[in-house]
Amino acid sequence: ENFLIPLLNLVYGWDLRNTNLYSSNSPAIDLEDEESRVAIQVTSTGTSAKIKKTLVKYKTHHGSGKHDQLLILILTKKQKKYSNKDIIQHSNEILAFDLDVVPPKNRTVF
């Protein structure tokens, strides 16, 4: 997580902080830029179950008012498709989450 902060800040112009350093293990969020209203979950697990768990925890602990974007940064290969009914239900309830968009709009992933 800490390794990614300077890289993502440089590429996207964010001011990310590790939420674990100022909050006691913030559920569903590892990195956050409050001013840019971006929250990121960093994981090496790209399964539907992990995505669902993240969405449920985010919705329960953070709601959808604090951030405009919730990104799930999967460090390994992601599934080809996330069509699980529960994931779609939870993602529809969190307006910032889009199952088809990995990077923020108009950005390039390196």
C-alpha atoms as a PDB file:
ATOM      1  CA  GLU A   1       0.000   0.000   0.000  1.00  0.00           C
ATOM      2  CA  ASN A   2       2.668   2.513   0.987  1.00  0.00           C
ATOM      3  CA  PHE A   3       4.655   1.671  -2.142  1.00  0.00           C
ATOM      4  CA  LEU A   4       1.697   2.621  -4.345  1.00  0.00           C
ATOM      5  CA  ILE A   5       1.021   6.019  -2.776  1.00  0.00           C
ATOM      6  CA  PRO A   6       3.772   8.060  -4.494  1.00  0.00           C
ATOM      7  CA  LEU A   7       3.174   6.297  -7.814  1.00  0.00           C
ATOM      8  CA  LEU A   8      -0.604   6.871  -7.847  1.00  0.00           C
ATOM      9  CA  ASN A   9      -0.185  10.432  -6.569  1.00  0.00           C
ATOM     10  CA  LEU A  10       2.238  11.185  -9.396  1.00  0.00           C
ATOM     11  CA  VAL A  11       0.166   9.556 -12.141  1.00  0.00           C
ATOM     12  CA  TYR A  12      -3.264  10.859 -11.076  1.00  0.00           C
ATOM     13  CA  GLY A  13      -2.382  14.030  -9.163  1.00  0.00           C
ATOM     14  CA  TRP A  14      -3.908  12.754  -5.928  1.00  0.00           C
ATOM     15  CA  ASP A  15      -2.759  13.228  -2.347  1.00  0.00           C
ATOM     16  CA  LEU A  16      -3.373   9.699  -1.080  1.00  0.00           C
ATOM     17  CA  ARG A  17      -2.829   8.668   2.521  1.00  0.00           C
ATOM     18  CA  ASN A  18      -2.723   5.192   3.999  1.00  0.00           C
ATOM     19  CA  THR A  19      -5.901   4.990   6.080  1.00  0.00           C
ATOM     20  CA  ASN A  20      -4.333   2.385   8.355  1.00  0.00           C
ATOM     21  CA  LEU A  21      -1.942   5.060   9.650  1.00  0.00           C
ATOM     22  CA  TYR A  22      -4.622   7.501  10.826  1.00  0.00           C
ATOM     23  CA  SER A  23      -7.519   5.147  11.453  1.00  0.00           C
ATOM     24  CA  SER A  24      -7.597   1.770  13.131  1.00  0.00           C
ATOM     25  CA  ASN A  25      -7.713  -0.342   9.966  1.00  0.00           C
ATOM     26  CA  SER A  26     -10.429   1.474   8.064  1.00  0.00           C
ATOM     27  CA  PRO A  27     -12.802  -1.175   6.673  1.00  0.00           C
ATOM     28  CA  ALA A  28     -12.820  -1.513   2.877  1.00  0.00           C
ATOM     29  CA  ILE A  29     -10.415   1.386   2.279  1.00  0.00           C
ATOM     30  CA  ASP A  30      -6.620   1.268   2.290  1.00  0.00           C
ATOM     31  CA  LEU A  31      -5.805   4.562   0.579  1.00  0.00           C
ATOM     32  CA  GLU A  32      -7.763   7.797   0.542  1.00  0.00           C
ATOM     33  CA  ASP A  33      -7.585  11.319  -0.819  1.00  0.00           C
ATOM     34  CA  GLU A  34     -10.303  13.245   0.993  1.00  0.00           C
ATOM     35  CA  GLU A  35      -9.960  16.374  -1.142  1.00  0.00           C
ATOM     36  CA  SER A  36     -10.219  14.464  -4.424  1.00  0.00           C
ATOM     37  CA  ARG A  37     -12.891  12.232  -2.838  1.00  0.00           C
ATOM     38  CA  VAL A  38     -11.151   9.012  -3.916  1.00  0.00           C
ATOM     39  CA  ALA A  39     -11.013   5.801  -1.879  1.00  0.00           C
ATOM     40  CA  ILE A  40      -8.956   2.760  -2.886  1.00  0.00           C
ATOM     41  CA  GLN A  41      -9.005  -0.834  -1.690  1.00  0.00           C
ATOM     42  CA  VAL A  42      -5.704  -2.544  -2.504  1.00  0.00           C
ATOM     43  CA  THR A  43      -5.927  -6.317  -2.763  1.00  0.00           C
ATOM     44  CA  SER A  44      -4.185  -9.294  -4.263  1.00  0.00           C
ATOM     45  CA  THR A  45      -7.496 -11.182  -4.411  1.00  0.00           C
ATOM     46  CA  GLY A  46      -9.585 -10.497  -7.493  1.00  0.00           C
ATOM     47  CA  THR A  47     -12.482 -12.838  -6.835  1.00  0.00           C
ATOM     48  CA  SER A  48     -16.159 -11.951  -6.867  1.00  0.00           C
ATOM     49  CA  ALA A  49     -16.309 -12.806  -3.155  1.00  0.00           C
ATOM     50  CA  LYS A  50     -13.589 -10.243  -2.350  1.00  0.00           C
ATOM     51  CA  ILE A  51     -15.263  -7.551  -4.449  1.00  0.00           C
ATOM     52  CA  LYS A  52     -18.601  -8.232  -2.759  1.00  0.00           C
ATOM     53  CA  LYS A  53     -16.992  -8.149   0.695  1.00  0.00           C
ATOM     54  CA  THR A  54     -15.334  -4.815  -0.096  1.00  0.00           C
ATOM     55  CA  LEU A  55     -18.565  -3.288  -1.395  1.00  0.00           C
ATOM     56  CA  VAL A  56     -20.569  -4.448   1.627  1.00  0.00           C
ATOM     57  CA  LYS A  57     -17.953  -3.136   4.081  1.00  0.00           C
ATOM     58  CA  TYR A  58     -17.683   0.159   2.218  1.00  0.00           C
ATOM     59  CA  LYS A  59     -21.440   0.636   2.165  1.00  0.00           C
ATOM     60  CA  THR A  60     -21.731  -0.268   5.871  1.00  0.00           C
ATOM     61  CA  HIS A  61     -18.829   1.825   7.171  1.00  0.00           C
ATOM     62  CA  HIS A  62     -18.492   4.688   4.706  1.00  0.00           C
ATOM     63  CA  GLY A  63     -21.743   5.106   2.817  1.00  0.00           C
ATOM     64  CA  SER A  64     -21.494   6.819  -0.530  1.00  0.00           C
ATOM     65  CA  GLY A  65     -21.349  10.464   0.536  1.00  0.00           C
ATOM     66  CA  LYS A  66     -17.675  10.865   1.434  1.00  0.00           C
ATOM     67  CA  HIS A  67     -16.145   9.705  -1.862  1.00  0.00           C
ATOM     68  CA  ASP A  68     -16.980  10.146  -5.512  1.00  0.00           C
ATOM     69  CA  GLN A  69     -14.921   7.105  -6.469  1.00  0.00           C
ATOM     70  CA  LEU A  70     -14.259   3.765  -4.827  1.00  0.00           C
ATOM     71  CA  LEU A  71     -11.524   1.967  -6.719  1.00  0.00           C
ATOM     72  CA  ILE A  72     -10.535  -1.619  -6.123  1.00  0.00           C
ATOM     73  CA  LEU A  73      -6.924  -2.026  -7.177  1.00  0.00           C
ATOM     74  CA  ILE A  74      -6.313  -5.709  -7.825  1.00  0.00           C
ATOM     75  CA  LEU A  75      -2.597  -6.444  -7.826  1.00  0.00           C
ATOM     76  CA  THR A  76      -3.006  -9.813  -9.511  1.00  0.00           C
ATOM     77  CA  LYS A  77      -5.032 -10.876 -12.530  1.00  0.00           C
ATOM     78  CA  LYS A  78      -8.702  -9.944 -12.183  1.00  0.00           C
ATOM     79  CA  GLN A  79     -11.558 -12.135 -13.253  1.00  0.00           C
ATOM     80  CA  LYS A  80     -12.737 -11.621 -16.827  1.00  0.00           C
ATOM     81  CA  LYS A  81     -16.252 -10.798 -15.716  1.00  0.00           C
ATOM     82  CA  TYR A  82     -17.969  -9.941 -12.438  1.00  0.00           C
ATOM     83  CA  SER A  83     -21.562 -10.917 -13.059  1.00  0.00           C
ATOM     84  CA  ASN A  84     -22.488 -12.152  -9.589  1.00  0.00           C
ATOM     85  CA  LYS A  85     -25.989 -10.887  -8.721  1.00  0.00           C
ATOM     86  CA  ASP A  86     -24.938  -9.758  -5.215  1.00  0.00           C
ATOM     87  CA  ILE A  87     -22.002  -7.734  -6.555  1.00  0.00           C
ATOM     88  CA  ILE A  88     -24.233  -5.987  -9.063  1.00  0.00           C
ATOM     89  CA  GLN A  89     -26.782  -5.229  -6.340  1.00  0.00           C
ATOM     90  CA  HIS A  90     -24.159  -3.719  -4.029  1.00  0.00           C
ATOM     91  CA  SER A  91     -22.413  -1.815  -6.796  1.00  0.00           C
ATOM     92  CA  ASN A  92     -25.718  -0.297  -7.893  1.00  0.00           C
ATOM     93  CA  GLU A  93     -26.265   0.951  -4.334  1.00  0.00           C
ATOM     94  CA  ILE A  94     -22.860   2.662  -4.332  1.00  0.00           C
ATOM     95  CA  LEU A  95     -23.068   5.166  -7.146  1.00  0.00           C
ATOM     96  CA  ALA A  96     -19.292   5.640  -7.334  1.00  0.00           C
ATOM     97  CA  PHE A  97     -18.641   2.001  -8.212  1.00  0.00           C
ATOM     98  CA  ASP A  98     -18.593   0.862 -11.825  1.00  0.00           C
ATOM     99  CA  LEU A  99     -17.888  -2.789 -12.594  1.00  0.00           C
ATOM    100  CA  ASP A 100     -16.553  -1.985 -16.054  1.00  0.00           C
ATOM    101  CA  VAL A 101     -14.179   0.912 -15.335  1.00  0.00           C
ATOM    102  CA  VAL A 102     -10.897   0.122 -13.652  1.00  0.00           C
ATOM    103  CA  PRO A 103      -9.069   3.473 -13.815  1.00  0.00           C
ATOM    104  CA  PRO A 104     -10.708   6.843 -13.302  1.00  0.00           C
ATOM    105  CA  LYS A 105     -12.296   8.198 -16.463  1.00  0.00           C
ATOM    106  CA  ASN A 106      -9.952   9.768 -19.026  1.00  0.00           C
ATOM    107  CA  ARG A 107      -6.890   8.225 -17.380  1.00  0.00           C
ATOM    108  CA  THR A 108      -4.345   5.741 -18.653  1.00  0.00           C
ATOM    109  CA  VAL A 109      -3.167   2.812 -16.581  1.00  0.00           C
ATOM    110  CA  PHE A 110       0.502   1.928 -16.929  1.00  0.00           C
END
